[in-house]
Amino acid sequence: MLGYAGYDSEEEAAPDVEPPEKRARVDAKAEPTVQPAQLHKEGPKRLHQQKLRDLKREIGSARSATAVVQVVRQNLSSCWDLRWGAEALYQVAKRSTARTRQEWAEDKAVVKLAEKLKEEAVSAHGETDLVLLALEALRRMALQEPEDQKEYLERGIMSIVANKWRNPVKSLARLFWLGAPLSKEGGFKEHFDSKNLPAQIRARQNELDGPDLALLLAAMKGPKGLKESALQSKVVFRLKEKGIHRGLSATDLVEMAEALEELGVADEAALRPLGQEALRRRGELTPDESHRIHTAFQGMKLPLPQVWETHGSTKTLQSSMGKVTTQAFALQEGHEKKRGNNDIERTSPPRVVRDYKMCSY
C-alpha cells in the first residue's frame, strides 16, 4: 500500500516539475496581447489601389445620378473607402436638379453613404482635401447644415494654415464657400479676412476652373454672402477665358448668372460667354431654370437672346501666333445645314469579285 501511495504522489507532482520559463513561453504564445494604442495607429483600412481606381473611373463615367447611386449600392458595404465615397455623393449632387436632389437625399443608400462620410470626417486626419469634398457634397444634398460642419471646418482651416496654404486651389475655393455663412463668427473671422484666405485665392486665380468660380460666386451671393470686391474682380476676369465653363452643370450656369446680377456685374465680355453656354445647353434646363436665367440676364441689361455678337461685328484677340480677328456672321437662306440623307456620307456600292479562286478563301 505504501508503494502504491508513493507512485500516486509522483504522478500528481509531475506537472510541478515543468520549468516555469517554459510555461511562461506557452502562455504568452496562447494569449497574445494587443495594445489599444497600436490599433489606433493602424488607422482605418484602405481599399486596394486598383479597385479604388476602377470605382472612381466608374463614378466619373456615370451619365446620371442614378448610375452613381447604383455604384454606391453595389459597393458601399463591401468596398467602402472615403476616397470614392466623397466623390460619389458629390457627383450625385452635381448630376441632379433641385427637385431630384431632394428625392435622392431620402434614398436609403444615399442616407447610409452620408452617415459614413460624417463618421469618417471625424477620424480622417491628414486628408483635409477629401474631407472638404465630403462636406461640400453633404451641404449640396442638404444632409448637413453649416452649423453642424463648424468643427470639421475649424480643423480643416488649421490644417491648411499649417500647410502654408499649399493645398490645391480647389480646396481653398471649397473652404471659402463652406465657411462663408460662418465667416463673421469669432474663430472664422480672422481666417476669412481679405488678407488671408481671399488673398491666397486671388494670388492663384489662373488655377481656378469653372466649378471653382461657381463656388466663389455662390459664396458671395445672398444677405449672408461674403462680399469680396477684389476677389470678385478676379472671378469676372477669369470668366472671360475660353473654355472656362467646362465641367459646369446647367444648374451652375443659372446660379452663376443670378449671383452676377446680384453683385451688379455689367462686363459683357464675361456675361456673353456665360449666356452663350446656357443657350447651347438650354435643353438641360428645367422650365423654372430657363425662366430664372432669362430674368437674370434681363436684369443685367443683356437679354439672353442677344448674347451672340451682332451680324458683321469684328473682334481682335492677341494669341501666341499674333493678332487674330474674327467676324460674326448670320446664316443666309440656302446656306443652312441640310437635313436628311445628305448629312451622312453614302457608302460605296458592294464590289463584285470575278476571281472565283479568291472567293473560295
Protein backbone atom coordinates (compact mmCIF):
# COMPACT_ATOMS: atom_id res chain seq x y z
CA MET A 1 0.00 0.00 0.00
CA LEU A 2 2.81 2.34 0.81
CA GLY A 3 4.46 1.68 -2.51
CA TYR A 4 1.18 2.34 -4.35
CA ALA A 5 0.66 5.58 -2.48
CA GLY A 6 4.21 6.68 -3.32
CA TYR A 7 3.56 6.06 -7.02
CA ASP A 8 0.38 8.14 -6.97
CA SER A 9 2.12 11.06 -5.32
CA GLU A 10 4.80 11.07 -8.01
CA GLU A 11 2.14 11.27 -10.77
CA GLU A 12 0.40 14.19 -9.07
CA ALA A 13 3.64 16.07 -8.61
CA ALA A 14 4.76 15.61 -12.21
CA PRO A 15 3.17 18.84 -13.59
CA ASP A 16 5.13 20.87 -10.98
CA VAL A 17 8.38 19.63 -12.45
CA GLU A 18 7.80 21.65 -15.69
CA PRO A 19 10.18 24.65 -15.81
CA PRO A 20 8.44 27.97 -15.09
CA GLU A 21 10.19 29.55 -18.10
CA LYS A 22 8.55 27.08 -20.46
CA ARG A 23 5.10 27.70 -19.00
CA ALA A 24 5.55 31.43 -19.44
CA ARG A 25 6.51 30.99 -23.10
CA VAL A 26 3.47 28.78 -23.77
CA ASP A 27 1.08 31.21 -22.06
CA ALA A 28 2.49 34.14 -23.98
CA LYS A 29 2.05 32.28 -27.24
CA ALA A 30 -1.50 31.23 -26.44
CA GLU A 31 -2.76 34.68 -25.39
CA PRO A 32 -1.09 37.42 -27.42
CA THR A 33 -1.82 40.92 -26.14
CA VAL A 34 -2.54 43.87 -28.44
CA GLN A 35 -2.27 47.35 -27.07
CA PRO A 36 -5.12 49.74 -27.92
CA ALA A 37 -2.59 52.37 -28.91
CA GLN A 38 -1.23 50.05 -31.60
CA LEU A 39 -4.69 49.56 -33.04
CA HIS A 40 -5.22 53.32 -33.15
CA LYS A 41 -2.02 53.85 -35.08
CA GLU A 42 -3.07 51.44 -37.79
CA GLY A 43 -5.96 53.72 -38.77
CA PRO A 44 -8.93 52.79 -40.98
CA LYS A 45 -8.48 50.17 -43.64
CA ARG A 46 -7.96 51.44 -47.18
CA LEU A 47 -9.14 49.88 -50.41
CA HIS A 48 -6.65 48.34 -52.82
CA GLN A 49 -5.43 50.93 -55.34
CA GLN A 50 -6.62 49.01 -58.40
CA LYS A 51 -10.13 48.56 -57.02
CA LEU A 52 -10.19 52.21 -55.97
CA ARG A 53 -9.20 53.32 -59.49
CA ASP A 54 -11.92 51.14 -61.01
CA LEU A 55 -14.60 52.55 -58.74
CA LYS A 56 -13.56 56.17 -59.31
CA ARG A 57 -13.49 55.58 -63.07
CA GLU A 58 -16.97 54.05 -62.91
CA ILE A 59 -18.28 57.02 -60.91
CA GLY A 60 -16.61 59.55 -63.19
CA SER A 61 -18.02 57.97 -66.36
CA ALA A 62 -21.58 57.68 -64.98
CA ARG A 63 -24.01 59.68 -67.10
CA SER A 64 -26.58 60.31 -64.39
CA ALA A 65 -27.10 60.43 -60.64
CA THR A 66 -29.00 57.14 -60.95
CA ALA A 67 -25.90 55.38 -62.31
CA VAL A 68 -23.77 56.80 -59.48
CA VAL A 69 -26.23 55.61 -56.83
CA GLN A 70 -26.18 52.17 -58.44
CA VAL A 71 -22.41 52.02 -57.90
CA VAL A 72 -22.91 53.08 -54.29
CA ARG A 73 -25.48 50.35 -53.65
CA GLN A 74 -23.19 47.67 -55.07
CA ASN A 75 -20.03 48.65 -53.18
CA LEU A 76 -20.97 50.53 -50.01
CA SER A 77 -20.88 47.53 -47.70
CA SER A 78 -18.03 45.53 -49.20
CA CYS A 79 -15.62 48.14 -50.62
CA TRP A 80 -16.03 51.29 -48.54
CA ASP A 81 -13.37 53.98 -48.81
CA LEU A 82 -13.61 57.71 -48.18
CA ARG A 83 -11.74 58.42 -51.41
CA TRP A 84 -14.55 57.14 -53.63
CA GLY A 85 -17.42 57.76 -51.20
CA ALA A 86 -16.91 61.53 -51.11
CA GLU A 87 -16.66 61.70 -54.90
CA ALA A 88 -19.81 59.58 -55.30
CA LEU A 89 -22.01 61.84 -53.17
CA TYR A 90 -20.55 64.92 -54.87
CA GLN A 91 -21.45 63.52 -58.31
CA VAL A 92 -24.98 62.69 -57.16
CA ALA A 93 -25.40 66.32 -56.11
CA LYS A 94 -23.88 67.72 -59.32
CA ARG A 95 -25.89 65.48 -61.65
CA SER A 96 -29.25 66.23 -60.04
CA THR A 97 -31.71 69.06 -60.41
CA ALA A 98 -33.08 70.87 -57.35
CA ARG A 99 -36.09 68.53 -57.27
CA THR A 100 -34.29 65.22 -57.87
CA ARG A 101 -31.58 66.20 -55.40
CA GLN A 102 -34.20 66.35 -52.67
CA GLU A 103 -35.53 62.94 -53.71
CA TRP A 104 -32.05 61.37 -53.70
CA ALA A 105 -31.43 62.79 -50.22
CA GLU A 106 -34.17 60.43 -48.96
CA ASP A 107 -32.80 57.33 -50.70
CA LYS A 108 -31.62 54.68 -48.24
CA ALA A 109 -28.27 54.11 -49.96
CA VAL A 110 -27.56 57.85 -50.12
CA VAL A 111 -28.50 58.33 -46.46
CA LYS A 112 -26.19 55.48 -45.46
CA LEU A 113 -23.40 56.94 -47.60
CA ALA A 114 -23.86 60.32 -45.90
CA GLU A 115 -23.64 58.75 -42.45
CA LYS A 116 -20.40 57.00 -43.37
CA LEU A 117 -18.93 60.27 -44.63
CA LYS A 118 -19.84 62.03 -41.39
CA GLU A 119 -18.21 59.27 -39.33
CA GLU A 120 -15.09 59.28 -41.49
CA ALA A 121 -14.77 63.08 -41.30
CA VAL A 122 -14.35 62.79 -37.52
CA SER A 123 -11.38 60.41 -37.68
CA ALA A 124 -9.79 61.36 -41.03
CA HIS A 125 -6.59 63.16 -40.11
CA GLY A 126 -4.24 64.47 -42.79
CA GLU A 127 -6.91 64.19 -45.51
CA THR A 128 -8.22 67.76 -45.49
CA ASP A 129 -8.92 67.91 -49.22
CA LEU A 130 -11.07 64.77 -49.10
CA VAL A 131 -12.95 65.95 -46.02
CA LEU A 132 -13.74 69.30 -47.69
CA LEU A 133 -15.07 67.44 -50.74
CA ALA A 134 -17.29 65.33 -48.47
CA LEU A 135 -18.53 68.44 -46.65
CA GLU A 136 -19.41 70.13 -49.95
CA ALA A 137 -21.34 67.06 -51.09
CA LEU A 138 -23.23 66.86 -47.78
CA ARG A 139 -24.06 70.58 -47.92
CA ARG A 140 -25.25 70.42 -51.53
CA MET A 141 -27.52 67.49 -50.72
CA ALA A 142 -28.90 69.39 -47.68
CA LEU A 143 -27.82 66.48 -45.48
CA GLN A 144 -25.76 68.70 -43.16
CA GLU A 145 -26.13 72.35 -42.14
CA PRO A 146 -23.27 74.88 -41.84
CA GLU A 147 -23.51 74.88 -38.04
CA ASP A 148 -23.06 71.10 -37.97
CA GLN A 149 -19.88 71.42 -40.04
CA LYS A 150 -18.24 74.04 -37.86
CA GLU A 151 -15.91 71.62 -36.04
CA TYR A 152 -14.71 70.00 -39.27
CA LEU A 153 -14.13 73.36 -40.93
CA GLU A 154 -12.11 74.68 -37.99
CA ARG A 155 -9.88 71.62 -38.17
CA GLY A 156 -9.58 71.99 -41.95
CA ILE A 157 -8.55 75.64 -41.66
CA MET A 158 -5.88 74.81 -39.09
CA SER A 159 -4.52 72.05 -41.35
CA ILE A 160 -4.38 74.33 -44.40
CA VAL A 161 -2.71 77.14 -42.46
CA ALA A 162 -0.17 74.67 -41.06
CA ASN A 163 0.50 73.59 -44.65
CA LYS A 164 1.13 77.26 -45.54
CA TRP A 165 -1.88 77.40 -47.91
CA ARG A 166 -0.22 74.97 -50.34
CA ASN A 167 -3.34 72.83 -50.74
CA PRO A 168 -4.97 72.72 -54.21
CA VAL A 169 -6.77 75.95 -55.07
CA LYS A 170 -9.95 73.88 -55.46
CA SER A 171 -9.81 73.14 -51.73
CA LEU A 172 -9.36 76.85 -50.97
CA ALA A 173 -12.41 77.74 -53.10
CA ARG A 174 -14.36 74.93 -51.43
CA LEU A 175 -13.38 76.24 -47.99
CA PHE A 176 -14.41 79.77 -49.00
CA TRP A 177 -17.88 78.52 -49.98
CA LEU A 178 -18.33 76.24 -46.97
CA GLY A 179 -17.18 78.85 -44.46
CA ALA A 180 -18.95 81.89 -45.93
CA PRO A 181 -22.06 81.55 -43.68
CA LEU A 182 -19.77 81.30 -40.62
CA SER A 183 -17.16 83.86 -41.69
CA LYS A 184 -18.32 86.55 -39.27
CA GLU A 185 -18.03 84.31 -36.21
CA GLY A 186 -15.07 84.51 -33.82
CA GLY A 187 -12.77 81.68 -34.89
CA PHE A 188 -13.51 82.08 -38.60
CA LYS A 189 -13.37 85.86 -38.86
CA GLU A 190 -9.58 86.06 -38.78
CA HIS A 191 -9.01 83.45 -41.49
CA PHE A 192 -11.69 84.88 -43.83
CA ASP A 193 -10.23 88.35 -43.65
CA SER A 194 -9.26 89.83 -47.05
CA LYS A 195 -5.57 89.36 -46.26
CA ASN A 196 -5.84 85.63 -45.56
CA LEU A 197 -8.00 83.12 -47.46
CA PRO A 198 -9.33 85.54 -50.14
CA ALA A 199 -5.79 86.83 -50.75
CA GLN A 200 -4.49 83.28 -51.23
CA ILE A 201 -7.21 82.58 -53.81
CA ARG A 202 -6.55 85.85 -55.65
CA ALA A 203 -2.85 85.04 -55.91
CA ARG A 204 -3.70 81.75 -57.69
CA GLN A 205 -6.52 82.98 -59.94
CA ASN A 206 -5.04 81.31 -63.03
CA GLU A 207 -5.59 77.89 -61.43
CA LEU A 208 -9.33 78.43 -60.92
CA ASP A 209 -11.63 76.42 -63.20
CA GLY A 210 -15.36 76.74 -63.87
CA PRO A 211 -16.64 74.83 -60.80
CA ASP A 212 -14.27 76.86 -58.59
CA LEU A 213 -15.69 80.13 -59.96
CA ALA A 214 -19.23 78.84 -59.38
CA LEU A 215 -18.38 78.17 -55.72
CA LEU A 216 -16.84 81.61 -55.22
CA LEU A 217 -19.84 83.38 -56.75
CA ALA A 218 -22.27 81.28 -54.69
CA ALA A 219 -20.32 82.22 -51.53
CA MET A 220 -20.77 85.93 -52.31
CA LYS A 221 -24.49 85.62 -53.00
CA GLY A 222 -27.30 86.43 -50.58
CA PRO A 223 -27.58 88.50 -47.39
CA LYS A 224 -25.10 86.23 -45.60
CA GLY A 225 -22.73 86.14 -48.57
CA LEU A 226 -19.07 87.00 -48.08
CA LYS A 227 -18.65 90.10 -50.25
CA GLU A 228 -15.06 90.44 -51.53
CA SER A 229 -14.77 93.09 -54.24
CA ALA A 230 -11.12 92.31 -55.04
CA LEU A 231 -11.83 88.60 -55.40
CA GLN A 232 -14.98 89.36 -57.37
CA SER A 233 -13.00 91.26 -59.99
CA LYS A 234 -10.63 88.29 -60.36
CA VAL A 235 -13.60 85.96 -60.85
CA VAL A 236 -15.12 88.21 -63.53
CA PHE A 237 -11.77 88.42 -65.30
CA ARG A 238 -11.43 84.63 -65.23
CA LEU A 239 -14.92 84.19 -66.73
CA LYS A 240 -13.62 85.70 -69.97
CA GLU A 241 -11.26 82.74 -70.53
CA LYS A 242 -12.14 80.42 -73.41
CA GLY A 243 -13.46 77.04 -72.24
CA ILE A 244 -13.81 78.16 -68.61
CA HIS A 245 -17.36 76.76 -68.43
CA ARG A 246 -16.17 73.19 -68.92
CA GLY A 247 -17.30 70.96 -66.05
CA LEU A 248 -20.25 73.15 -65.03
CA SER A 249 -23.76 71.78 -64.82
CA ALA A 250 -26.72 73.64 -66.32
CA THR A 251 -27.85 74.49 -62.79
CA ASP A 252 -24.43 76.02 -62.10
CA LEU A 253 -24.86 78.34 -65.08
CA VAL A 254 -28.20 79.57 -63.76
CA GLU A 255 -26.87 80.18 -60.24
CA MET A 256 -23.80 81.99 -61.57
CA ALA A 257 -25.98 84.31 -63.66
CA GLU A 258 -28.14 85.11 -60.62
CA ALA A 259 -25.07 85.81 -58.49
CA LEU A 260 -23.56 88.09 -61.13
CA GLU A 261 -26.81 90.04 -61.36
CA GLU A 262 -26.98 90.43 -57.59
CA LEU A 263 -23.36 91.62 -57.46
CA GLY A 264 -24.08 94.21 -60.15
CA VAL A 265 -21.66 92.85 -62.76
CA ALA A 266 -22.09 94.52 -66.15
CA ASP A 267 -18.98 93.35 -68.01
CA GLU A 268 -20.36 91.96 -71.27
CA ALA A 269 -17.07 90.23 -72.09
CA ALA A 270 -17.71 87.96 -69.09
CA LEU A 271 -21.50 87.74 -69.43
CA ARG A 272 -21.74 86.88 -73.14
CA PRO A 273 -19.79 83.56 -72.97
CA LEU A 274 -21.88 82.51 -69.96
CA GLY A 275 -25.12 83.28 -71.81
CA GLN A 276 -23.92 81.53 -74.96
CA GLU A 277 -23.08 78.41 -72.96
CA ALA A 278 -26.55 78.50 -71.39
CA LEU A 279 -28.19 78.74 -74.82
CA ARG A 280 -26.12 75.84 -76.16
CA ARG A 281 -27.35 73.71 -73.27
CA ARG A 282 -30.88 75.04 -72.98
CA GLY A 283 -32.19 71.50 -73.41
CA GLU A 284 -30.73 70.63 -69.99
CA LEU A 285 -32.56 73.46 -68.21
CA THR A 286 -35.85 72.90 -66.44
CA PRO A 287 -38.63 75.40 -67.24
CA ASP A 288 -38.01 77.11 -63.89
CA GLU A 289 -34.25 77.37 -64.51
CA SER A 290 -34.84 78.72 -68.00
CA HIS A 291 -37.09 81.44 -66.59
CA ARG A 292 -34.56 82.29 -63.87
CA ILE A 293 -31.59 82.71 -66.20
CA HIS A 294 -33.63 84.82 -68.65
CA THR A 295 -34.68 87.04 -65.75
CA ALA A 296 -31.07 87.35 -64.54
CA PHE A 297 -29.75 88.43 -67.93
CA GLN A 298 -32.67 90.81 -68.37
CA GLY A 299 -31.69 92.38 -65.04
CA MET A 300 -28.12 92.83 -66.33
CA LYS A 301 -29.44 94.76 -69.36
CA LEU A 302 -28.32 91.98 -71.69
CA PRO A 303 -31.30 89.86 -72.79
CA LEU A 304 -30.27 86.26 -73.25
CA PRO A 305 -31.19 86.09 -76.98
CA GLN A 306 -28.79 88.98 -77.59
CA VAL A 307 -25.66 87.40 -76.11
CA TRP A 308 -24.43 86.39 -79.58
CA GLU A 309 -22.35 89.02 -81.36
CA THR A 310 -24.26 91.25 -83.81
CA HIS A 311 -24.03 90.41 -87.50
CA GLY A 312 -20.91 91.85 -89.10
CA SER A 313 -19.14 92.85 -85.86
CA THR A 314 -15.42 92.12 -85.60
CA LYS A 315 -13.24 91.26 -82.64
CA THR A 316 -9.44 91.17 -82.41
CA LEU A 317 -7.66 88.97 -79.86
CA GLN A 318 -3.99 88.54 -79.10
CA SER A 319 -2.78 84.95 -79.35
CA SER A 320 0.56 83.13 -79.41
CA MET A 321 0.52 83.42 -83.21
CA GLY A 322 -0.19 87.16 -83.17
CA LYS A 323 -3.42 89.10 -83.54
CA VAL A 324 -6.46 87.11 -84.65
CA THR A 325 -9.53 88.95 -85.96
CA THR A 326 -12.90 87.22 -86.09
CA GLN A 327 -16.16 88.42 -87.60
CA ALA A 328 -19.65 87.41 -86.56
CA PHE A 329 -21.98 86.25 -89.33
CA ALA A 330 -25.52 85.04 -89.69
CA LEU A 331 -26.65 82.14 -91.86
CA GLN A 332 -28.34 83.26 -95.08
CA GLU A 333 -31.19 81.45 -96.78
CA GLY A 334 -29.88 78.40 -98.61
CA HIS A 335 -26.70 78.21 -96.52
CA GLU A 336 -28.16 76.33 -93.58
CA LYS A 337 -27.17 72.75 -92.94
CA LYS A 338 -29.33 70.36 -94.95
CA ARG A 339 -31.20 67.66 -93.13
CA GLY A 340 -31.85 64.12 -94.30
CA ASN A 341 -29.66 61.69 -96.19
CA ASN A 342 -27.22 64.40 -97.26
CA ASP A 343 -25.95 64.63 -93.66
CA ILE A 344 -24.41 61.16 -93.95
CA GLU A 345 -21.81 60.20 -96.49
CA ARG A 346 -23.15 57.48 -98.74
CA THR A 347 -21.28 54.19 -98.70
CA SER A 348 -19.74 52.71 -101.83
CA PRO A 349 -21.75 50.03 -103.65
CA PRO A 350 -20.61 46.47 -102.90
CA ARG A 351 -17.83 45.24 -105.14
CA VAL A 352 -18.35 42.21 -107.37
CA VAL A 353 -15.46 39.77 -107.23
CA ARG A 354 -14.94 37.95 -110.51
CA ASP A 355 -11.99 35.87 -109.33
CA TYR A 356 -13.71 32.71 -108.15
CA LYS A 357 -10.47 31.33 -106.79
CA MET A 358 -10.16 34.30 -104.45
CA CYS A 359 -13.81 33.87 -103.43
CA SER A 360 -13.07 30.39 -102.16
CA TYR A 361 -10.66 31.70 -99.48
